[in-house]
Protein backbone atom coordinates (compact mmCIF):
# COMPACT_ATOMS: atom_id res chain seq x y z
CA MET A 1 82.99 102.40 134.49
CA THR A 2 81.37 104.80 131.20
CA SER A 3 77.93 105.42 130.30
CA ASN A 4 78.18 102.85 127.71
CA GLY A 5 79.09 100.27 130.29
CA THR A 6 82.55 99.83 129.47
CA PRO A 7 85.63 100.06 132.19
CA ALA A 8 87.78 102.80 130.92
CA ARG A 9 91.48 102.18 131.48
CA ARG A 10 93.39 105.25 132.96
CA ARG A 11 97.18 105.62 132.55
CA GLY A 12 99.74 107.55 135.11
CA PRO A 13 101.04 111.20 133.70
CA ALA A 14 104.19 109.62 133.91
CA ALA A 15 103.20 106.66 131.23
CA TRP A 16 102.39 110.01 128.87
CA PHE A 17 104.33 112.67 129.56
CA GLY A 18 108.13 113.14 130.25
CA ALA A 19 109.89 115.64 132.37
CA GLY A 20 109.54 119.12 131.30
CA ARG A 21 106.10 118.82 130.63
CA ARG A 22 103.17 121.28 132.06
CA ALA A 23 101.46 119.86 135.67
CA ALA A 24 98.40 118.78 135.19
CA ALA A 25 95.33 120.48 134.38
CA PRO A 26 92.97 121.95 136.58
CA PRO A 27 90.25 118.83 137.45
CA SER A 28 86.90 121.03 135.81
CA GLU A 29 88.75 121.66 132.19
CA ARG A 30 86.80 118.97 130.01
CA VAL A 31 88.07 118.41 126.06
CA VAL A 32 85.38 116.66 123.93
CA PHE A 33 86.50 115.22 120.50
CA ARG A 34 83.48 114.69 117.80
CA TRP A 35 83.78 112.47 115.41
CA ASP A 36 81.46 111.40 112.51
CA LEU A 37 81.37 108.01 111.60
CA ASP A 38 80.88 106.90 107.90
CA LYS A 39 83.52 107.57 106.14
CA THR A 40 85.21 109.19 109.08
CA TYR A 41 85.52 106.20 111.58
CA LEU A 42 84.70 103.27 109.64
CA LEU A 43 85.18 102.95 105.83
CA SER A 44 81.49 102.55 105.02
CA GLU A 45 80.31 102.50 101.62
CA PHE A 46 76.73 103.90 100.69
CA GLU A 47 77.14 105.61 97.26
CA SER A 48 74.10 103.76 95.99
CA LEU A 49 70.20 103.24 97.91
CA ARG A 50 71.02 99.50 97.60
CA GLU A 51 74.23 99.99 99.27
CA MET A 52 72.59 102.17 102.14
CA MET A 53 69.80 99.40 102.68
CA ARG A 54 72.32 96.99 102.97
CA ILE A 55 74.13 98.54 106.30
CA PRO A 56 71.50 97.78 108.99
CA PHE A 57 72.32 94.17 108.00
CA GLU A 58 76.17 94.54 108.28
CA LYS A 59 77.81 92.29 111.30
CA PRO A 60 80.26 94.11 113.54
CA GLU A 61 82.83 91.88 111.81
CA ASP A 62 82.36 93.51 108.74
CA LYS A 63 82.82 96.65 109.70
CA VAL A 64 86.18 98.34 108.75
CA ALA A 65 87.80 101.00 110.78
CA ALA A 66 89.91 103.51 108.91
CA PRO A 67 93.26 102.90 109.17
CA GLY A 68 94.75 104.15 112.57
CA VAL A 69 91.77 106.01 113.65
CA ALA A 70 91.09 103.62 116.61
CA ALA A 71 94.82 104.12 118.02
CA LEU A 72 94.16 107.69 118.12
CA ILE A 73 90.69 107.75 119.75
CA ARG A 74 92.19 105.52 122.48
CA GLY A 75 95.11 107.69 122.66
CA LEU A 76 93.33 111.00 123.00
CA ARG A 77 91.05 109.42 126.01
CA GLU A 78 94.34 108.27 127.95
CA SER A 79 96.49 111.24 127.16
CA ALA A 80 93.50 113.54 128.53
CA LEU A 81 93.35 111.56 131.70
CA GLY A 82 96.78 111.81 131.68
CA ARG A 83 96.49 114.96 132.25
CA GLY A 84 93.74 115.50 134.69
CA ARG A 85 90.96 116.82 131.83
CA ALA A 86 87.65 115.31 131.81
CA VAL A 87 87.43 113.82 128.21
CA ARG A 88 84.20 113.14 126.09
CA VAL A 89 84.25 111.14 122.92
CA TYR A 90 80.88 111.41 121.15
CA PHE A 91 79.77 110.01 117.49
CA LEU A 92 77.20 111.49 115.13
CA SER A 93 76.09 109.41 112.41
CA ALA A 94 74.12 109.89 109.70
CA SER A 95 73.25 105.74 109.51
CA PRO A 96 70.16 104.36 111.03
CA PRO A 97 69.72 103.20 114.87
CA GLN A 98 68.78 99.89 113.38
CA ILE A 99 73.16 99.62 112.89
CA GLY A 100 73.20 100.79 116.64
CA ARG A 101 73.85 97.44 118.23
CA ALA A 102 76.45 96.36 115.11
CA ILE A 103 78.22 99.65 115.63
CA ARG A 104 78.59 99.32 119.41
CA ARG A 105 80.03 96.09 118.98
CA LYS A 106 82.32 97.20 116.38
CA LEU A 107 83.66 100.05 119.01
CA GLU A 108 83.93 97.37 121.87
CA LEU A 109 86.15 95.55 119.81
CA ASP A 110 88.07 98.08 118.57
CA GLY A 111 88.91 99.04 122.27
CA ILE A 112 86.81 102.29 122.14
CA VAL A 113 85.30 104.06 125.23
CA TYR A 114 82.89 106.66 124.37
CA ASP A 115 80.11 108.75 125.56
CA GLY A 116 77.44 108.93 123.11
CA ILE A 117 75.76 107.93 119.69
CA THR A 118 73.45 109.52 117.90
CA PHE A 119 72.11 108.01 114.66
CA LYS A 120 69.54 109.58 111.94
CA ASP A 121 66.49 107.34 111.61
CA GLN A 122 66.67 106.95 107.72
CA LEU A 123 64.33 104.33 107.54
CA GLN A 124 61.87 106.44 108.73
CA ARG A 125 62.10 108.81 106.22
CA LEU A 126 62.25 106.00 103.42
CA PHE A 127 58.81 104.77 104.68
CA ARG A 128 57.36 108.21 104.17
CA GLY A 129 58.64 108.44 101.16
CA LYS A 130 61.05 111.24 101.75
CA PHE A 131 64.30 110.00 99.80
CA ARG A 132 65.73 113.31 99.35
CA HIS A 133 66.08 113.84 102.86
CA LEU A 134 68.10 110.16 103.13
CA ARG A 135 70.74 112.40 101.64
CA GLU A 136 70.37 115.66 103.48
CA GLN A 137 73.00 115.91 106.43
CA VAL A 138 73.58 119.95 106.71
CA GLY A 139 70.09 120.37 108.62
CA TYR A 140 70.24 117.08 110.70
CA LYS A 141 74.02 117.74 111.83
CA LEU A 142 74.22 120.95 112.84
CA THR A 143 70.94 120.84 114.86
CA GLU A 144 72.16 117.69 116.65
CA LEU A 145 75.45 119.57 117.32
CA LEU A 146 74.13 122.36 118.80
CA LYS A 147 71.75 120.16 120.69
CA ALA A 148 74.70 118.68 121.97
CA ARG A 149 76.78 121.76 122.61
CA SER A 150 74.28 122.78 125.03
CA LEU A 151 74.98 119.93 127.61
CA GLU A 152 78.71 121.11 127.98
CA PRO A 153 80.00 123.43 130.40
CA GLU A 154 80.87 126.59 128.90
CA THR A 155 84.41 126.20 128.93
CA ALA A 156 84.55 122.97 127.50
CA ARG A 157 87.18 122.63 124.54
CA GLU A 158 86.16 120.70 121.06
CA TYR A 159 88.18 119.21 118.35
CA LEU A 160 85.65 117.59 115.48
CA PHE A 161 86.73 114.81 113.13
CA GLY A 162 84.85 114.26 109.62
CA ASP A 163 85.43 113.32 105.77
CA ASP A 164 85.17 115.32 102.83
CA TRP A 165 82.40 113.03 101.34
CA GLU A 166 79.30 115.20 101.86
CA SER A 167 78.87 118.28 103.48
CA ASP A 168 81.08 118.08 107.09
CA PRO A 169 83.30 121.25 106.56
CA LEU A 170 80.44 123.32 105.93
CA ILE A 171 78.72 121.94 108.64
CA TYR A 172 81.33 121.64 111.31
CA SER A 173 82.60 125.29 110.23
CA LEU A 174 78.79 127.03 110.88
CA TYR A 175 78.35 124.74 113.97
CA ALA A 176 82.14 126.65 114.98
CA ASP A 177 80.97 130.11 114.22
CA ILE A 178 77.14 129.95 115.69
CA ALA A 179 79.33 128.91 118.57
CA SER A 180 81.68 131.34 118.66
CA GLY A 181 79.08 133.98 117.92
CA GLY A 182 80.85 134.77 114.64
CA LEU A 183 77.55 133.93 112.93
CA ALA A 184 74.28 135.34 113.75
CA PRO A 185 71.30 133.64 114.29
CA SER A 186 69.57 135.92 112.04
CA ASP A 187 72.13 135.23 108.81
CA LEU A 188 71.88 131.49 109.40
CA ALA A 189 67.95 130.86 107.77
CA GLU A 190 69.23 132.18 104.62
CA LEU A 191 72.44 130.15 104.25
CA LEU A 192 70.38 126.91 105.40
CA ARG A 193 67.75 128.02 102.90
CA GLY A 194 70.70 127.63 100.55
CA ALA A 195 71.95 124.50 101.60
CA ARG A 196 68.16 123.54 101.26
CA VAL A 197 67.67 122.28 104.70
CA ASP A 198 63.86 121.61 105.40
CA PRO A 199 61.96 124.71 106.98
CA PRO A 200 61.28 122.93 110.44
CA LEU A 201 65.00 122.07 111.10
CA ILE A 202 65.91 125.70 109.92
CA ALA A 203 63.53 127.29 112.51
CA GLU A 204 65.09 124.32 115.39
CA ALA A 205 68.25 125.52 114.26
CA GLN A 206 67.69 129.33 114.64
CA GLN A 207 66.10 128.62 117.87
CA LEU A 208 69.18 126.37 119.42
CA ALA A 209 71.50 128.98 118.00
CA THR A 210 70.06 132.26 119.62
CA ALA A 211 70.00 130.10 123.31
CA LEU A 212 73.49 129.05 122.89
CA ALA A 213 76.10 130.44 125.17
CA LYS A 214 78.44 132.30 122.62
CA ARG A 215 81.97 131.38 123.19
CA GLU A 216 84.79 130.40 121.27
CA VAL A 217 84.91 126.59 121.84
CA VAL A 218 86.13 124.58 118.91
CA THR A 219 89.78 124.19 118.68
CA ARG A 220 90.45 122.51 115.46
CA ILE A 221 88.43 120.55 112.54
CA PHE A 222 89.95 117.91 111.04
CA ILE A 223 88.72 116.50 107.95
CA ASN A 224 89.84 112.94 106.50
CA LEU A 225 90.51 113.28 102.83
CA GLU A 226 88.52 109.87 101.83
CA ARG A 227 87.46 110.94 98.17
CA PRO A 228 90.44 112.30 98.44
CA THR A 229 89.98 116.16 97.97
CA PRO A 230 92.97 118.29 96.94
CA PRO A 231 93.62 120.19 100.62
CA ALA A 232 93.81 123.59 98.27
CA GLN A 233 90.13 123.32 97.87
CA LEU A 234 89.24 123.55 102.01
CA ARG A 235 91.55 126.68 102.17
CA ALA A 236 87.97 128.82 102.20
CA TYR A 237 86.94 127.60 105.44
CA GLY A 238 90.45 128.71 107.00
CA PRO A 239 93.35 127.30 109.42
CA ARG A 240 90.54 126.05 111.95
CA LEU A 241 90.28 123.26 109.69
CA VAL A 242 92.87 121.06 108.27
CA PRO A 243 92.52 118.46 105.81
CA THR A 244 94.55 115.12 106.30
CA PHE A 245 95.59 111.91 104.29
CA ASN A 246 95.75 109.63 107.32
CA TYR A 247 95.53 109.47 110.77
CA PHE A 248 98.90 109.96 111.70
CA GLN A 249 99.11 114.13 110.10
CA THR A 250 95.90 114.35 112.47
CA ALA A 251 97.62 112.56 115.43
CA ALA A 252 100.43 114.95 114.64
CA CYS A 253 98.52 117.81 114.52
CA LEU A 254 96.66 117.11 117.71
CA PHE A 255 100.20 116.23 119.73
CA GLN A 256 101.14 120.11 118.82
CA ASP A 257 97.82 120.90 120.07
CA ASP A 258 98.74 119.22 123.47
CA VAL A 259 95.83 117.32 123.48
CA LEU A 260 97.83 113.83 122.37
CA SER A 261 101.58 112.48 123.99
CA SER A 262 104.27 111.36 121.48
CA ASP A 263 103.53 107.92 122.57
CA GLY A 264 100.18 108.13 121.21
CA VAL A 265 101.43 109.59 117.94
CA VAL A 266 103.81 106.82 118.13
CA ARG A 267 100.67 104.40 118.32
CA VAL A 268 98.99 105.52 115.40
CA ALA A 269 101.68 105.39 113.11
CA ARG A 270 102.85 101.72 114.40
CA ALA A 271 98.85 100.95 113.52
CA LEU A 272 99.48 102.45 110.22
CA VAL A 273 102.43 100.31 109.77
CA GLU A 274 101.16 96.65 111.46
CA ASP A 275 97.61 97.04 109.89
CA SER A 276 97.63 99.03 106.59
CA HIS A 277 101.59 98.09 105.42
CA TYR A 278 102.76 101.76 105.99
CA GLU A 279 106.72 102.20 105.01
CA ALA A 280 108.76 104.62 106.86
CA THR A 281 108.91 106.46 103.60
CA GLN A 282 105.10 107.33 103.64
CA LEU A 283 105.68 108.64 107.50
CA GLU A 284 107.89 110.76 106.31
CA ASN A 285 106.21 112.11 103.46
CA SER A 286 103.13 112.31 105.47
CA LEU A 287 104.84 114.57 108.33
CA ALA A 288 106.53 116.44 105.70
CA ASP A 289 103.43 117.29 103.77
CA ILE A 290 101.50 118.13 106.86
CA GLU A 291 104.39 120.75 108.11
CA ARG A 292 104.73 122.16 104.16
CA ARG A 293 101.09 123.16 104.30
CA GLY A 294 100.99 125.22 107.66
CA HIS A 295 99.80 122.85 110.07
CA LEU A 296 102.80 121.78 112.07
CA THR A 297 106.01 123.57 113.14
CA PRO A 298 109.45 122.61 112.17
CA ALA A 299 110.10 122.16 115.93
CA THR A 300 106.76 119.90 116.35
CA ALA A 301 107.82 117.46 113.48
CA ALA A 302 111.81 117.22 114.50
CA SER A 303 110.35 115.96 117.47
CA LEU A 304 107.61 113.41 116.28
CA ARG A 305 110.52 112.33 114.12
CA ALA A 306 112.87 111.83 116.85
CA ALA A 307 110.12 109.86 118.80
CA LEU A 308 109.44 107.77 115.84
CA ALA A 309 113.05 107.14 115.15
CA ALA A 310 113.13 105.99 118.71
CA ALA A 311 110.75 103.85 118.04
CA GLY A 312 112.13 102.01 114.85
CA LEU A 313 109.65 103.43 112.56
CA LEU A 314 112.01 106.39 111.08
CA ALA A 315 115.53 106.53 110.37
CA PRO A 316 117.45 108.71 112.57
CA THR A 317 117.73 112.04 111.24
CA PRO A 318 120.95 114.33 111.41
CA ARG A 319 120.76 116.98 113.68
CA ARG A 320 121.34 120.63 112.80
CA LEU A 321 124.26 122.57 114.39
CA SER A 322 121.53 124.87 116.38
CA ASP A 323 119.63 121.94 118.07
CA ARG A 324 123.32 120.61 119.00
CA LEU A 325 124.07 123.43 120.83
CA PHE A 326 120.31 124.47 122.17
CA GLY A 327 118.52 121.59 121.08
CA PRO A 328 115.27 121.28 119.40
CA TRP A 329 113.37 123.60 121.59
CA HIS A 330 114.56 126.63 121.23
CA ARG A 331 112.61 126.72 117.68
CA ASP A 332 108.95 127.82 117.84
CA ARG A 333 106.69 125.04 118.70
CA ARG A 334 103.37 126.99 118.45
CA PRO A 335 101.11 126.25 115.64
CA LYS A 336 99.55 129.42 113.26
CA SER A 337 96.93 130.64 114.62
CA THR A 338 93.59 128.59 114.31
CA SER A 339 91.56 131.35 114.80
CA ALA A 340 88.67 131.15 112.27
CA ALA A 341 88.72 133.87 109.45
CA MET A 342 85.79 135.22 108.17
CA ILE A 343 84.33 132.15 105.45
CA ASP A 344 82.18 133.40 102.60
CA TYR A 345 79.62 130.57 103.32
CA ARG A 346 77.37 132.29 100.57
CA THR A 347 79.62 131.51 97.98
CA LEU A 348 80.90 128.62 99.48
CA LEU A 349 76.87 127.18 99.58
CA GLY A 350 76.27 128.72 95.81
CA VAL A 351 79.24 126.64 94.99
CA GLN A 352 78.15 123.22 96.36
CA SER A 353 74.32 123.93 95.42
CA ALA A 354 75.83 124.18 91.85
CA GLU A 355 77.73 120.90 92.11
CA GLY A 356 75.18 119.53 94.19
CA VAL A 357 77.64 118.52 97.16
CA ALA A 358 74.96 120.12 99.88
CA GLU A 359 72.24 118.23 98.56
């Protein structure tokens, strides 16, 4: 039984991992998945004040999940449990707590087992006349992430999921670099002032950053291209951040990181086909795109093509001569390094402030 009262469904390791896979992970190993809600899990509309005010009154049945996202989250939990890993799924939302009941009901309808949700009290800010704070996300989300990290074991690995609608690439990268010690708390105040964060939140973020045990904890940051933003526009955040056009691409990268089974990838692909009318050519193009951009190795792509073909979602592809002789696993299946490069936050914040993105 999970913290939200929903029974967790477990599948044995054999159901998710075939012969030749590594042995189950030590029980103490924990993987944490942190999700944004709006524009990442839900296809929310809040471009105007009227739309923001309407959100608390929507019914669970009115809320629409992004294609494939529910299948992905279910697969991540089941894969982790199948490997003997502890797993946590959290949601961080900039929506008001008044929608909490509808959100929890929506997650229940989608079969999502989760461990916590944090909301932003938008209505309280509105009643206080702080209209600018309605769209201020950097200080709010960063402090909430830092507080949440302090509650996890130091060895817990994290995967972060957001979108390109507001400031998730910046917020998640700042958080990852603070956690690793790559960004000193003394430098944080200047950056947050550049992002127009309120002084009390700047002070809180500095205090939390100073107290945090420093460790490389964020493995990947996935940004759902909802606007969509050209992927090249996000290269400044380094290889740790992966822009994806759909959750099939995200699932493929998580398979490569060994936190999602090939069956899990197939289920996400099937959800796109059945629920969003994706065709085989769209799946193939998506796989080719994420491979071309360097986030997926040729060996991983070949393995997934075979799994999708076996599931009837892709046409079988001719095998290379080297694969017929030695098998596809002779090629490098390791992903390129996701270690964070030095991010020029000052330049990024200067560009974003000029465009109003970080407001």
